[in-house]
N, C-alpha and C. Protein backbone atom coordinates (compact mmCIF):
# COMPACT_ATOMS: atom_id res chain seq x y z
N MET A 1 -29.53 5.93 -7.95
CA MET A 1 -28.14 6.27 -8.20
C MET A 1 -27.29 5.87 -6.98
N GLU A 2 -26.23 5.15 -7.26
CA GLU A 2 -25.34 4.69 -6.20
C GLU A 2 -24.40 5.81 -5.78
N LYS A 3 -24.33 6.06 -4.46
CA LYS A 3 -23.42 7.08 -3.95
C LYS A 3 -22.00 6.54 -3.96
N LYS A 4 -21.06 7.41 -4.30
CA LYS A 4 -19.65 7.03 -4.28
C LYS A 4 -19.02 7.54 -3.00
N LEU A 5 -18.17 6.73 -2.43
CA LEU A 5 -17.45 7.09 -1.22
C LEU A 5 -16.43 8.17 -1.54
N PRO A 6 -16.52 9.34 -0.90
CA PRO A 6 -15.53 10.39 -1.17
C PRO A 6 -14.18 10.01 -0.57
N LEU A 7 -13.13 10.26 -1.32
CA LEU A 7 -11.78 9.96 -0.84
C LEU A 7 -10.98 11.21 -0.55
N GLN A 8 -11.44 12.35 -1.10
CA GLN A 8 -10.73 13.61 -0.90
C GLN A 8 -11.66 14.65 -0.29
N CYS A 9 -11.09 15.52 0.52
CA CYS A 9 -11.84 16.59 1.15
C CYS A 9 -12.35 17.55 0.07
N PRO A 10 -13.64 17.88 0.09
CA PRO A 10 -14.16 18.80 -0.92
C PRO A 10 -13.63 20.23 -0.75
N SER A 11 -13.11 20.56 0.43
CA SER A 11 -12.60 21.91 0.67
C SER A 11 -11.14 22.08 0.27
N CYS A 12 -10.28 21.15 0.74
CA CYS A 12 -8.84 21.33 0.52
C CYS A 12 -8.20 20.22 -0.31
N GLN A 13 -8.97 19.21 -0.71
CA GLN A 13 -8.49 18.09 -1.53
C GLN A 13 -7.55 17.13 -0.80
N ALA A 14 -7.40 17.29 0.53
CA ALA A 14 -6.58 16.35 1.30
C ALA A 14 -7.27 14.99 1.33
N ARG A 15 -6.51 13.97 1.54
CA ARG A 15 -7.04 12.61 1.60
C ARG A 15 -7.86 12.44 2.88
N LEU A 16 -9.08 11.93 2.74
CA LEU A 16 -9.95 11.71 3.89
C LEU A 16 -9.57 10.43 4.62
N LYS A 17 -9.97 10.33 5.89
CA LYS A 17 -9.81 9.12 6.68
C LYS A 17 -11.18 8.75 7.23
N VAL A 18 -11.34 7.50 7.60
CA VAL A 18 -12.59 7.03 8.17
C VAL A 18 -12.62 7.42 9.65
N LYS A 19 -13.73 8.02 10.09
CA LYS A 19 -13.86 8.45 11.49
C LYS A 19 -14.78 7.53 12.28
N LYS A 20 -15.87 7.07 11.65
CA LYS A 20 -16.83 6.27 12.39
C LYS A 20 -17.42 5.19 11.50
N LEU A 21 -17.60 4.01 12.08
CA LEU A 21 -18.26 2.89 11.40
C LEU A 21 -19.52 2.54 12.18
N HIS A 22 -20.55 2.17 11.46
CA HIS A 22 -21.84 1.87 12.10
C HIS A 22 -22.39 0.56 11.56
N CYS A 23 -22.84 -0.33 12.46
CA CYS A 23 -23.49 -1.58 12.07
C CYS A 23 -24.99 -1.33 11.99
N SER A 24 -25.56 -1.46 10.79
CA SER A 24 -26.99 -1.23 10.63
C SER A 24 -27.82 -2.37 11.21
N ASN A 25 -27.17 -3.48 11.54
CA ASN A 25 -27.89 -4.63 12.12
C ASN A 25 -28.14 -4.43 13.63
N CYS A 26 -27.10 -4.11 14.38
CA CYS A 26 -27.25 -4.03 15.83
C CYS A 26 -27.02 -2.63 16.40
N GLY A 27 -26.61 -1.70 15.57
CA GLY A 27 -26.40 -0.33 16.03
C GLY A 27 -25.05 -0.04 16.64
N THR A 28 -24.16 -1.02 16.70
CA THR A 28 -22.82 -0.80 17.23
C THR A 28 -22.10 0.24 16.39
N GLU A 29 -21.36 1.12 17.07
CA GLU A 29 -20.55 2.12 16.38
C GLU A 29 -19.11 2.02 16.85
N VAL A 30 -18.21 2.18 15.92
CA VAL A 30 -16.77 2.19 16.20
C VAL A 30 -16.27 3.56 15.79
N ASP A 31 -15.62 4.24 16.71
CA ASP A 31 -15.16 5.60 16.47
C ASP A 31 -13.64 5.64 16.56
N GLY A 32 -13.00 6.31 15.65
CA GLY A 32 -11.55 6.44 15.63
C GLY A 32 -11.12 7.02 14.30
N ILE A 33 -9.84 7.08 14.07
CA ILE A 33 -9.31 7.58 12.81
C ILE A 33 -8.60 6.42 12.11
N TYR A 34 -9.14 6.04 10.94
CA TYR A 34 -8.61 4.89 10.21
C TYR A 34 -8.36 5.26 8.77
N ASP A 35 -7.32 4.66 8.19
CA ASP A 35 -7.05 4.82 6.76
C ASP A 35 -8.04 3.96 5.98
N PHE A 36 -8.32 4.38 4.76
CA PHE A 36 -9.12 3.56 3.86
C PHE A 36 -8.28 2.37 3.42
N PRO A 37 -8.91 1.22 3.17
CA PRO A 37 -8.15 0.12 2.58
C PRO A 37 -7.65 0.55 1.20
N PRO A 38 -6.50 0.08 0.77
CA PRO A 38 -5.94 0.53 -0.51
C PRO A 38 -6.90 0.37 -1.69
N LEU A 39 -7.65 -0.73 -1.75
CA LEU A 39 -8.55 -0.93 -2.89
C LEU A 39 -9.68 0.09 -2.95
N ALA A 40 -10.02 0.70 -1.82
CA ALA A 40 -11.07 1.72 -1.81
C ALA A 40 -10.65 2.97 -2.57
N SER A 41 -9.35 3.12 -2.80
CA SER A 41 -8.85 4.28 -3.53
C SER A 41 -9.02 4.17 -5.04
N PHE A 42 -9.38 2.99 -5.50
CA PHE A 42 -9.57 2.77 -6.93
C PHE A 42 -11.01 3.04 -7.32
N ASN A 43 -11.23 3.55 -8.55
CA ASN A 43 -12.59 3.75 -9.01
C ASN A 43 -13.22 2.40 -9.35
N ASN A 44 -14.52 2.41 -9.64
CA ASN A 44 -15.25 1.15 -9.89
C ASN A 44 -14.64 0.34 -11.03
N GLU A 45 -14.28 1.01 -12.11
CA GLU A 45 -13.70 0.31 -13.26
C GLU A 45 -12.39 -0.39 -12.88
N GLU A 46 -11.56 0.32 -12.13
CA GLU A 46 -10.28 -0.26 -11.70
C GLU A 46 -10.51 -1.43 -10.73
N GLN A 47 -11.49 -1.30 -9.83
CA GLN A 47 -11.79 -2.39 -8.91
C GLN A 47 -12.28 -3.62 -9.66
N GLU A 48 -13.13 -3.41 -10.66
CA GLU A 48 -13.61 -4.53 -11.48
C GLU A 48 -12.45 -5.22 -12.20
N PHE A 49 -11.54 -4.41 -12.74
CA PHE A 49 -10.36 -4.95 -13.42
C PHE A 49 -9.57 -5.83 -12.45
N ILE A 50 -9.32 -5.32 -11.24
CA ILE A 50 -8.53 -6.06 -10.25
C ILE A 50 -9.22 -7.37 -9.90
N LEU A 51 -10.54 -7.34 -9.69
CA LEU A 51 -11.28 -8.57 -9.37
C LEU A 51 -11.20 -9.58 -10.50
N HIS A 52 -11.40 -9.13 -11.75
CA HIS A 52 -11.30 -10.05 -12.89
C HIS A 52 -9.87 -10.58 -13.04
N PHE A 53 -8.90 -9.72 -12.79
CA PHE A 53 -7.49 -10.11 -12.89
C PHE A 53 -7.18 -11.24 -11.91
N VAL A 54 -7.68 -11.12 -10.69
CA VAL A 54 -7.48 -12.17 -9.69
C VAL A 54 -8.19 -13.44 -10.11
N LYS A 55 -9.45 -13.30 -10.57
CA LYS A 55 -10.23 -14.48 -10.96
C LYS A 55 -9.64 -15.21 -12.16
N THR A 56 -8.89 -14.50 -13.02
CA THR A 56 -8.26 -15.14 -14.17
C THR A 56 -6.81 -15.54 -13.86
N SER A 57 -6.47 -15.55 -12.58
CA SER A 57 -5.11 -15.89 -12.13
C SER A 57 -4.04 -15.02 -12.78
N GLY A 58 -4.39 -13.78 -13.04
CA GLY A 58 -3.42 -12.84 -13.59
C GLY A 58 -3.14 -13.01 -15.07
N SER A 59 -4.04 -13.65 -15.79
CA SER A 59 -3.84 -13.85 -17.22
C SER A 59 -4.27 -12.62 -18.01
N LEU A 60 -3.29 -11.92 -18.56
CA LEU A 60 -3.61 -10.74 -19.37
C LEU A 60 -4.30 -11.14 -20.67
N LYS A 61 -4.00 -12.32 -21.14
CA LYS A 61 -4.66 -12.83 -22.35
C LYS A 61 -6.17 -12.99 -22.09
N GLU A 62 -6.52 -13.57 -20.94
CA GLU A 62 -7.93 -13.71 -20.57
C GLU A 62 -8.58 -12.35 -20.32
N MET A 63 -7.83 -11.45 -19.71
CA MET A 63 -8.34 -10.10 -19.45
C MET A 63 -8.65 -9.39 -20.76
N ALA A 64 -7.81 -9.56 -21.75
CA ALA A 64 -8.03 -8.94 -23.06
C ALA A 64 -9.35 -9.43 -23.66
N LYS A 65 -9.64 -10.72 -23.48
CA LYS A 65 -10.91 -11.28 -23.98
C LYS A 65 -12.09 -10.67 -23.22
N ILE A 66 -12.01 -10.66 -21.91
CA ILE A 66 -13.08 -10.14 -21.07
C ILE A 66 -13.36 -8.67 -21.39
N MET A 67 -12.30 -7.89 -21.55
CA MET A 67 -12.44 -6.45 -21.77
C MET A 67 -12.64 -6.09 -23.23
N ASP A 68 -12.48 -7.07 -24.12
CA ASP A 68 -12.57 -6.83 -25.56
C ASP A 68 -11.59 -5.73 -25.99
N ARG A 69 -10.37 -5.89 -25.51
CA ARG A 69 -9.28 -4.96 -25.84
C ARG A 69 -8.07 -5.78 -26.27
N SER A 70 -7.10 -5.09 -26.82
CA SER A 70 -5.86 -5.77 -27.21
C SER A 70 -5.01 -6.05 -25.98
N TYR A 71 -4.17 -7.06 -26.11
CA TYR A 71 -3.25 -7.41 -25.02
C TYR A 71 -2.43 -6.19 -24.58
N PRO A 72 -1.81 -5.43 -25.55
CA PRO A 72 -1.01 -4.28 -25.12
C PRO A 72 -1.82 -3.22 -24.36
N SER A 73 -3.09 -2.99 -24.74
CA SER A 73 -3.87 -1.98 -24.02
C SER A 73 -4.20 -2.46 -22.60
N VAL A 74 -4.43 -3.77 -22.45
CA VAL A 74 -4.68 -4.32 -21.11
C VAL A 74 -3.40 -4.22 -20.27
N ARG A 75 -2.27 -4.50 -20.88
CA ARG A 75 -0.98 -4.39 -20.19
C ARG A 75 -0.74 -2.95 -19.73
N ASN A 76 -1.05 -1.98 -20.60
CA ASN A 76 -0.89 -0.57 -20.24
C ASN A 76 -1.81 -0.19 -19.08
N TYR A 77 -3.04 -0.70 -19.11
CA TYR A 77 -3.99 -0.41 -18.03
C TYR A 77 -3.48 -0.99 -16.71
N LEU A 78 -2.95 -2.20 -16.76
CA LEU A 78 -2.36 -2.81 -15.57
C LEU A 78 -1.19 -1.97 -15.06
N ASP A 79 -0.37 -1.47 -15.97
CA ASP A 79 0.75 -0.61 -15.57
C ASP A 79 0.26 0.65 -14.87
N GLU A 80 -0.87 1.22 -15.33
CA GLU A 80 -1.45 2.40 -14.68
C GLU A 80 -1.89 2.06 -13.26
N ILE A 81 -2.51 0.91 -13.09
CA ILE A 81 -2.96 0.48 -11.76
C ILE A 81 -1.76 0.22 -10.86
N ILE A 82 -0.71 -0.39 -11.39
CA ILE A 82 0.51 -0.61 -10.62
C ILE A 82 1.09 0.73 -10.17
N GLY A 83 1.09 1.71 -11.05
CA GLY A 83 1.57 3.05 -10.71
C GLY A 83 0.76 3.66 -9.58
N LYS A 84 -0.55 3.45 -9.63
CA LYS A 84 -1.43 3.98 -8.58
C LYS A 84 -1.15 3.29 -7.25
N VAL A 85 -0.90 1.98 -7.28
CA VAL A 85 -0.55 1.24 -6.06
C VAL A 85 0.73 1.80 -5.46
N LYS A 86 1.73 2.05 -6.29
CA LYS A 86 3.00 2.60 -5.81
C LYS A 86 2.81 3.98 -5.19
N GLN A 87 1.95 4.80 -5.81
CA GLN A 87 1.64 6.12 -5.26
C GLN A 87 1.00 6.00 -3.89
N LEU A 88 0.04 5.08 -3.76
CA LEU A 88 -0.63 4.87 -2.47
C LEU A 88 0.37 4.42 -1.41
N GLU A 89 1.31 3.56 -1.78
CA GLU A 89 2.32 3.09 -0.84
C GLU A 89 3.19 4.26 -0.36
N LYS A 90 3.51 5.19 -1.26
CA LYS A 90 4.31 6.37 -0.87
C LYS A 90 3.56 7.25 0.10
N LEU A 91 2.24 7.39 -0.09
CA LEU A 91 1.42 8.22 0.79
C LEU A 91 1.36 7.66 2.20
N LYS A 92 1.45 6.34 2.33
CA LYS A 92 1.36 5.70 3.65
C LYS A 92 2.63 5.90 4.48
N LYS A 93 3.75 6.19 3.81
CA LYS A 93 5.02 6.31 4.53
C LYS A 93 5.13 7.64 5.23
């Protein structure tokens, strides 16, 4: 089972930040307080959608074929992702 990266504090639900990074190759560690990259805030399904969207040069018609959904449902899903991006941008300010 693949572990999912937690994005929210299990105690208070606040947004988590990265504190330490570790290289499993050489053992180097980087310590500090860093924000997650915006794409890390999306679930696996949303990340897959974004990757396919980029690979199809933003063609919703192609996305509808890949996802086996109607064009309007793919458009609505994209609108949801756009809304999430806007929310993330507000949190950064």
